[in-house]
Amino acid sequence: MARVHILATGGTIAGRGSSDTSSSYRPGSVMIEQLIDSVPGLGALAEVTGEQFAQMSSQDMDEVVWQGLANRINKLFDADAADGVVVTHGTDTAEETGYFLHLTVTSDRPVVLTGSMRPATSLSADGPLNLYNAVSVAADRDARDRGVMLAINDDLHSARDVTKSSTTDVQTFISPGPGLLGTARLGRIRYFRRPKRLHTSQSSFSAFAQRRLPRVDILYSHAGMQPDLVRASVSLGVRGIVIAGVGNGNVPGPVVSALTDAVKAGVIVVRATRVGSGDVERGVELDDDALGFVVADQLNPQKSRILLQLCLAHELDRNAVQEAFFQY
């Protein structure tokens, strides 16, 4: 029987409300032992163990916890202490944690995130079934070498492609463009594809056990955006700026000038888009070669920030950073 270790970090899946119909609740209030006990049949799927790694709302997630998670997972796999790992997580930043692990876990063994949109005490709580399905994927040998995944609401997403699309809808997670990795329903798993970009055992990135990742800011583009936002970030010592641009990663003319000055000051500038899907291409409306910009390709701003942080931590130059956005 496969050995699956669950790392709990809190979130809505561990939330507790004042009643089963209350819309207000406290995330991260239910401990991992209670989560496991709430799911009948887990023992038939795998030899399941649990660990309360953190206890937080996912809006408080940060790079320090990401690094700790990646290093803990790598140690579990290096010691052959687990065949798969499940991470329970709040939905607000699950896609970011998932993508960081997608880049920094060094094993081809499955890592599966899951969470819920309703707290554990809610009427029709979705957490128990999501956890059941996540464990079934983590225990599946065919889940190997698919990178980090998110199993939620019977769907299976690649951490690279998934994003949250609704504030409250249970079917909030989507994978624009590439689509689902597969489905997982009551332990029945179907895979549709494998990720094409580099990940996990193929990745050259490390989580760094004790080094703080460089600061990278995301600036949201809009009509009338002012260039002083760029100058403020540079004055605060950022190493990188990700633009959540309009359309194909665009910003107003005065902001382009400020970003060009930032590049001259040694800041790496990545053009992503605030649009929900599509690629940001080089040289379409801006001369990226002349301006010294990097384009995000398919990554949304929040994931672009993570990849840029890791590139900067590994001291990649601008050309290598651009290549990383095309490879990962």
Protein backbone atom coordinates (compact mmCIF):
# COMPACT_ATOMS: atom_id res chain seq x y z
CA MET A 1 0.00 0.00 0.00
CA ALA A 2 1.29 3.47 -0.90
CA ARG A 3 2.41 5.77 1.91
CA VAL A 4 0.86 9.25 1.72
CA HIS A 5 1.90 11.99 4.12
CA ILE A 6 -0.42 14.98 4.57
CA LEU A 7 1.08 18.38 5.37
CA ALA A 8 -1.66 20.64 6.74
CA THR A 9 -1.28 24.43 6.49
CA GLY A 10 -4.74 25.63 7.56
CA GLY A 11 -7.14 27.44 5.22
CA THR A 12 -10.87 27.08 4.73
CA ILE A 13 -10.66 23.29 4.57
CA ALA A 14 -9.70 23.54 8.25
CA GLY A 15 -12.15 26.37 8.98
CA ARG A 16 -14.71 26.43 11.76
CA GLY A 17 -17.92 28.47 11.64
CA SER A 18 -20.41 29.41 14.32
CA SER A 19 -23.02 27.16 12.68
CA ASP A 20 -23.36 24.85 9.69
CA THR A 21 -25.09 27.61 7.71
CA SER A 22 -22.90 30.53 8.79
CA SER A 23 -20.98 32.37 6.04
CA SER A 24 -18.38 33.58 8.56
CA TYR A 25 -15.70 31.28 9.89
CA ARG A 26 -12.15 31.10 11.23
CA PRO A 27 -9.71 29.43 8.81
CA GLY A 28 -7.15 27.00 10.14
CA SER A 29 -9.09 26.06 13.27
CA VAL A 30 -9.40 22.31 12.65
CA MET A 31 -6.26 20.24 13.21
CA ILE A 32 -4.92 17.61 10.83
CA GLU A 33 -6.04 14.67 13.00
CA GLN A 34 -9.64 15.89 12.80
CA LEU A 35 -9.38 16.41 9.05
CA ILE A 36 -8.19 12.85 8.55
CA ASP A 37 -10.88 11.47 10.85
CA SER A 38 -13.56 13.34 8.90
CA VAL A 39 -12.86 11.37 5.71
CA PRO A 40 -14.18 7.80 5.68
CA GLY A 41 -12.26 5.28 3.62
CA LEU A 42 -8.86 7.01 3.58
CA GLY A 43 -7.22 3.93 5.06
CA ALA A 44 -8.34 1.87 2.08
CA LEU A 45 -6.53 4.22 -0.30
CA ALA A 46 -3.13 4.46 1.38
CA GLU A 47 -1.18 4.29 4.58
CA VAL A 48 -1.95 7.86 5.65
CA THR A 49 0.03 9.97 8.11
CA GLY A 50 -0.45 13.63 8.94
CA GLU A 51 1.54 16.61 10.12
CA GLN A 52 0.38 20.09 11.16
CA PHE A 53 3.02 22.01 9.21
CA ALA A 54 1.36 25.43 9.59
CA GLN A 55 -1.96 26.86 10.75
CA MET A 56 -2.86 29.97 8.79
CA SER A 57 -5.17 31.69 6.33
CA SER A 58 -3.62 31.40 2.90
CA GLN A 59 -3.58 35.18 2.41
CA ASP A 60 -0.80 35.12 5.04
CA MET A 61 1.25 32.58 3.07
CA ASP A 62 4.76 33.79 2.22
CA GLU A 63 8.10 32.71 0.77
CA VAL A 64 9.40 31.46 4.13
CA VAL A 65 6.56 28.92 4.41
CA TRP A 66 6.98 27.98 0.74
CA GLN A 67 10.65 27.25 1.28
CA GLY A 68 9.88 25.26 4.41
CA LEU A 69 7.28 23.18 2.59
CA ALA A 70 9.56 22.45 -0.35
CA ASN A 71 12.43 21.45 1.90
CA ARG A 72 10.18 19.27 4.06
CA ILE A 73 8.76 17.48 1.00
CA ASN A 74 12.22 16.96 -0.46
CA LYS A 75 13.44 15.48 2.83
CA LEU A 76 10.46 13.10 2.98
CA PHE A 77 11.15 11.84 -0.51
CA ASP A 78 14.94 11.73 -0.09
CA ALA A 79 14.48 9.57 3.01
CA ASP A 80 11.92 7.37 1.19
CA ALA A 81 9.46 8.22 3.97
CA ALA A 82 6.49 8.76 1.63
CA ASP A 83 5.37 7.72 -1.84
CA GLY A 84 3.26 10.84 -2.22
CA VAL A 85 2.48 14.04 -0.35
CA VAL A 86 -0.79 15.96 0.04
CA VAL A 87 -0.76 19.61 1.13
CA THR A 88 -4.01 21.01 2.53
CA HIS A 89 -4.14 24.73 1.81
CA GLY A 90 -6.39 27.76 1.62
CA THR A 91 -7.68 28.47 -1.87
CA ASP A 92 -6.66 32.15 -2.07
CA THR A 93 -2.98 31.45 -2.75
CA ALA A 94 -2.99 27.71 -3.49
CA GLU A 95 -1.96 28.34 -7.08
CA GLU A 96 1.11 30.27 -5.92
CA THR A 97 2.23 27.69 -3.36
CA GLY A 98 1.60 24.97 -5.90
CA TYR A 99 3.71 26.67 -8.56
CA PHE A 100 6.58 27.30 -6.15
CA LEU A 101 6.59 23.60 -5.23
CA HIS A 102 6.25 22.72 -8.94
CA LEU A 103 9.59 24.48 -9.47
CA THR A 104 11.46 23.42 -6.32
CA VAL A 105 10.43 19.87 -5.37
CA THR A 106 13.17 17.63 -6.76
CA SER A 107 11.34 14.29 -6.94
CA ASP A 108 9.02 12.82 -9.55
CA ARG A 109 6.78 11.47 -6.77
CA PRO A 110 3.33 13.09 -6.65
CA VAL A 111 2.64 16.24 -4.65
CA VAL A 112 -1.05 17.15 -4.55
CA LEU A 113 -2.57 20.30 -3.09
CA THR A 114 -6.19 20.42 -2.03
CA GLY A 115 -8.50 22.74 -0.13
CA SER A 116 -12.13 23.74 -0.01
CA MET A 117 -14.48 26.65 -0.57
CA ARG A 118 -16.63 25.77 2.44
CA PRO A 119 -15.34 25.38 6.00
CA ALA A 120 -15.19 22.00 7.72
CA THR A 121 -18.28 22.79 9.83
CA SER A 122 -20.40 23.95 6.87
CA LEU A 123 -23.47 22.27 5.47
CA SER A 124 -22.23 20.20 2.48
CA ALA A 125 -18.58 20.86 3.27
CA ASP A 126 -16.48 20.07 0.20
CA GLY A 127 -13.22 19.48 2.07
CA PRO A 128 -13.58 15.79 2.99
CA LEU A 129 -14.20 14.60 -0.57
CA ASN A 130 -11.46 16.86 -1.91
CA LEU A 131 -9.03 15.36 0.61
CA TYR A 132 -10.16 11.84 -0.31
CA ASN A 133 -9.53 12.50 -3.99
CA ALA A 134 -6.18 14.18 -3.31
CA VAL A 135 -4.96 11.17 -1.31
CA SER A 136 -6.10 8.83 -4.08
CA VAL A 137 -3.99 10.77 -6.60
CA ALA A 138 -0.96 10.97 -4.29
CA ALA A 139 -1.17 7.18 -3.85
CA ASP A 140 -1.38 6.49 -7.57
CA ARG A 141 1.85 5.35 -9.24
CA ASP A 142 0.69 6.82 -12.55
CA ALA A 143 0.65 10.26 -10.89
CA ARG A 144 4.44 10.31 -10.92
CA ASP A 145 6.29 12.78 -13.11
CA ARG A 146 3.24 15.01 -13.61
CA GLY A 147 4.55 17.84 -11.45
CA VAL A 148 2.65 19.37 -8.57
CA MET A 149 -1.13 19.10 -8.92
CA LEU A 150 -4.28 20.56 -7.39
CA ALA A 151 -7.13 18.12 -6.79
CA ILE A 152 -10.38 19.92 -6.07
CA ASN A 153 -14.07 19.55 -6.89
CA ASP A 154 -13.39 16.32 -8.84
CA ASP A 155 -10.91 18.11 -11.15
CA LEU A 156 -7.17 17.67 -11.40
CA HIS A 157 -5.09 20.70 -12.40
CA SER A 158 -1.42 21.30 -13.06
CA ALA A 159 -0.01 23.81 -10.57
CA ARG A 160 1.49 25.73 -13.49
CA ASP A 161 -1.83 26.32 -15.23
CA VAL A 162 -4.46 26.55 -12.51
CA THR A 163 -5.96 29.79 -11.23
CA LYS A 164 -8.83 30.80 -8.96
CA SER A 165 -11.66 32.39 -10.94
CA SER A 166 -14.46 33.11 -8.45
CA THR A 167 -14.54 34.46 -4.92
CA THR A 168 -17.17 32.03 -3.64
CA ASP A 169 -18.11 29.45 -6.30
CA VAL A 170 -17.19 25.88 -5.36
CA GLN A 171 -16.12 25.36 -8.99
CA THR A 172 -13.67 28.26 -8.71
CA PHE A 173 -10.49 26.67 -10.10
CA ILE A 174 -9.87 26.63 -13.84
CA SER A 175 -6.89 25.96 -16.09
CA PRO A 176 -7.19 28.44 -18.99
CA GLY A 177 -5.46 27.43 -22.19
CA PRO A 178 -3.99 23.97 -21.54
CA GLY A 179 -7.08 22.74 -19.67
CA LEU A 180 -7.41 20.07 -17.00
CA LEU A 181 -4.66 17.58 -16.26
CA GLY A 182 -7.38 15.04 -15.52
CA THR A 183 -10.19 14.24 -13.10
CA ALA A 184 -10.31 12.52 -9.73
CA ARG A 185 -13.69 11.45 -8.43
CA LEU A 186 -14.23 9.10 -5.49
CA GLY A 187 -10.83 7.58 -6.11
CA ARG A 188 -11.38 7.07 -9.84
CA ILE A 189 -8.60 8.94 -11.62
CA ARG A 190 -8.35 9.79 -15.32
CA TYR A 191 -5.38 11.63 -16.80
CA PHE A 192 -5.72 13.64 -19.99
CA ARG A 193 -2.18 14.88 -20.46
CA ARG A 194 1.24 15.53 -18.92
CA PRO A 195 2.73 19.00 -18.42
CA LYS A 196 4.97 20.01 -21.33
CA ARG A 197 7.15 22.54 -19.48
CA LEU A 198 9.97 21.71 -17.05
CA HIS A 199 9.01 20.93 -13.44
CA THR A 200 10.05 19.14 -10.22
CA SER A 201 12.72 16.52 -11.03
CA GLN A 202 13.53 18.33 -14.30
CA SER A 203 13.79 21.77 -12.69
CA SER A 204 17.13 23.43 -12.00
CA PHE A 205 15.72 25.58 -9.19
CA SER A 206 16.28 25.06 -5.48
CA ALA A 207 14.04 26.18 -2.62
CA PHE A 208 17.09 27.44 -0.63
CA ALA A 209 16.86 26.32 2.99
CA GLN A 210 17.83 29.62 4.62
CA ARG A 211 18.15 32.29 1.96
CA ARG A 212 15.37 34.87 1.67
CA LEU A 213 14.12 35.27 -1.87
CA PRO A 214 14.63 38.67 -3.55
CA ARG A 215 11.81 41.19 -3.47
CA VAL A 216 9.71 41.34 -6.63
CA ASP A 217 6.70 43.67 -6.89
CA ILE A 218 3.60 43.25 -9.07
CA LEU A 219 2.23 46.51 -10.48
CA TYR A 220 -1.29 46.49 -11.90
CA SER A 221 -1.72 48.39 -15.15
CA HIS A 222 -4.84 50.44 -15.84
CA ALA A 223 -6.00 53.46 -17.82
CA GLY A 224 -4.18 56.46 -16.40
CA MET A 225 -1.54 54.44 -14.54
CA GLN A 226 1.16 56.72 -13.14
CA PRO A 227 4.92 56.11 -13.51
CA ASP A 228 5.62 57.06 -9.89
CA LEU A 229 4.47 53.55 -8.89
CA VAL A 230 7.47 52.18 -10.76
CA ARG A 231 9.82 54.71 -9.22
CA ALA A 232 8.47 53.90 -5.74
CA SER A 233 9.22 50.21 -6.18
CA VAL A 234 12.73 50.93 -7.43
CA SER A 235 13.36 53.26 -4.47
CA LEU A 236 12.36 50.44 -2.11
CA GLY A 237 15.09 48.23 -3.52
CA VAL A 238 13.18 45.72 -5.63
CA ARG A 239 15.19 43.33 -7.75
CA GLY A 240 12.32 42.71 -10.13
CA ILE A 241 9.01 44.18 -11.28
CA VAL A 242 6.16 42.20 -12.83
CA ILE A 243 3.64 44.25 -14.76
CA ALA A 244 0.06 42.97 -14.77
CA GLY A 245 -0.44 44.75 -18.05
CA VAL A 246 -3.51 45.50 -20.10
CA GLY A 247 -4.01 43.34 -23.17
CA ASN A 248 -0.70 41.93 -24.36
CA GLY A 249 1.16 43.12 -21.26
CA ASN A 250 0.94 46.82 -22.09
CA VAL A 251 1.26 49.97 -19.97
CA PRO A 252 0.87 53.72 -20.73
CA GLY A 253 3.77 55.49 -22.45
CA PRO A 254 5.07 57.35 -19.36
CA VAL A 255 5.19 54.03 -17.48
CA VAL A 256 7.23 52.47 -20.29
CA SER A 257 9.80 55.25 -19.78
CA ALA A 258 9.89 54.62 -16.02
CA LEU A 259 10.30 50.89 -16.58
CA THR A 260 13.15 51.55 -19.01
CA ASP A 261 14.88 53.60 -16.30
CA ALA A 262 14.33 50.70 -13.89
CA VAL A 263 16.01 48.32 -16.32
CA LYS A 264 19.00 50.68 -16.54
CA ALA A 265 19.16 50.58 -12.73
CA GLY A 266 19.48 46.79 -12.83
CA VAL A 267 15.86 45.80 -12.19
CA ILE A 268 14.45 42.90 -14.23
CA VAL A 269 11.07 43.90 -15.70
CA VAL A 270 8.61 41.18 -16.77
CA ARG A 271 5.53 42.01 -18.81
CA ALA A 272 2.58 39.78 -17.84
CA THR A 273 -1.12 40.49 -18.32
CA ARG A 274 -4.14 41.12 -16.14
CA VAL A 275 -6.25 39.31 -18.78
CA GLY A 276 -7.38 35.87 -17.64
CA SER A 277 -5.73 33.87 -20.42
CA GLY A 278 -3.43 34.08 -23.43
CA ASP A 279 0.27 34.59 -24.08
CA VAL A 280 2.29 37.77 -23.72
CA GLU A 281 4.53 37.81 -26.80
CA ARG A 282 7.81 39.57 -27.39
CA GLY A 283 7.97 42.60 -29.63
CA VAL A 284 4.31 42.88 -30.60
CA GLU A 285 3.54 46.45 -29.50
CA LEU A 286 6.76 47.19 -27.62
CA ASP A 287 10.35 46.59 -28.74
CA ASP A 288 11.32 44.31 -25.86
CA ASP A 289 14.83 43.80 -27.21
CA ALA A 290 15.55 47.52 -27.27
CA LEU A 291 13.80 48.22 -23.95
CA GLY A 292 15.34 45.29 -22.10
CA PHE A 293 12.04 43.75 -21.00
CA VAL A 294 11.19 40.09 -20.39
CA VAL A 295 7.79 38.69 -21.39
CA ALA A 296 5.84 36.26 -19.21
CA ASP A 297 4.68 34.03 -22.06
CA GLN A 298 1.77 32.05 -20.50
CA LEU A 299 2.27 32.78 -16.79
CA ASN A 300 -0.09 35.05 -14.90
CA PRO A 301 1.41 37.88 -12.80
CA GLN A 302 1.44 36.02 -9.49
CA LYS A 303 3.24 33.02 -10.97
CA SER A 304 5.55 35.27 -12.98
CA ARG A 305 6.63 36.82 -9.69
CA ILE A 306 7.55 33.40 -8.28
CA LEU A 307 9.56 32.35 -11.31
CA LEU A 308 11.34 35.71 -11.38
CA GLN A 309 12.19 35.46 -7.67
CA LEU A 310 13.77 32.06 -8.22
CA CYS A 311 15.65 33.28 -11.31
CA LEU A 312 17.05 36.21 -9.35
CA ALA A 313 17.97 34.01 -6.40
CA HIS A 314 19.92 31.82 -8.82
CA GLU A 315 21.58 34.95 -10.28
CA LEU A 316 20.35 34.45 -13.85
CA ASP A 317 20.91 37.33 -16.26
CA ARG A 318 18.08 38.87 -18.29
CA ASN A 319 18.50 36.57 -21.29
CA ALA A 320 18.48 33.50 -19.06
CA VAL A 321 15.40 34.82 -17.26
CA GLN A 322 13.58 35.13 -20.59
CA GLU A 323 14.58 31.61 -21.51
CA ALA A 324 13.26 30.36 -18.15
CA PHE A 325 9.84 31.90 -18.91
CA PHE A 326 9.76 29.90 -22.15
CA GLN A 327 10.95 26.67 -20.48
CA TYR A 328 8.98 26.49 -17.20
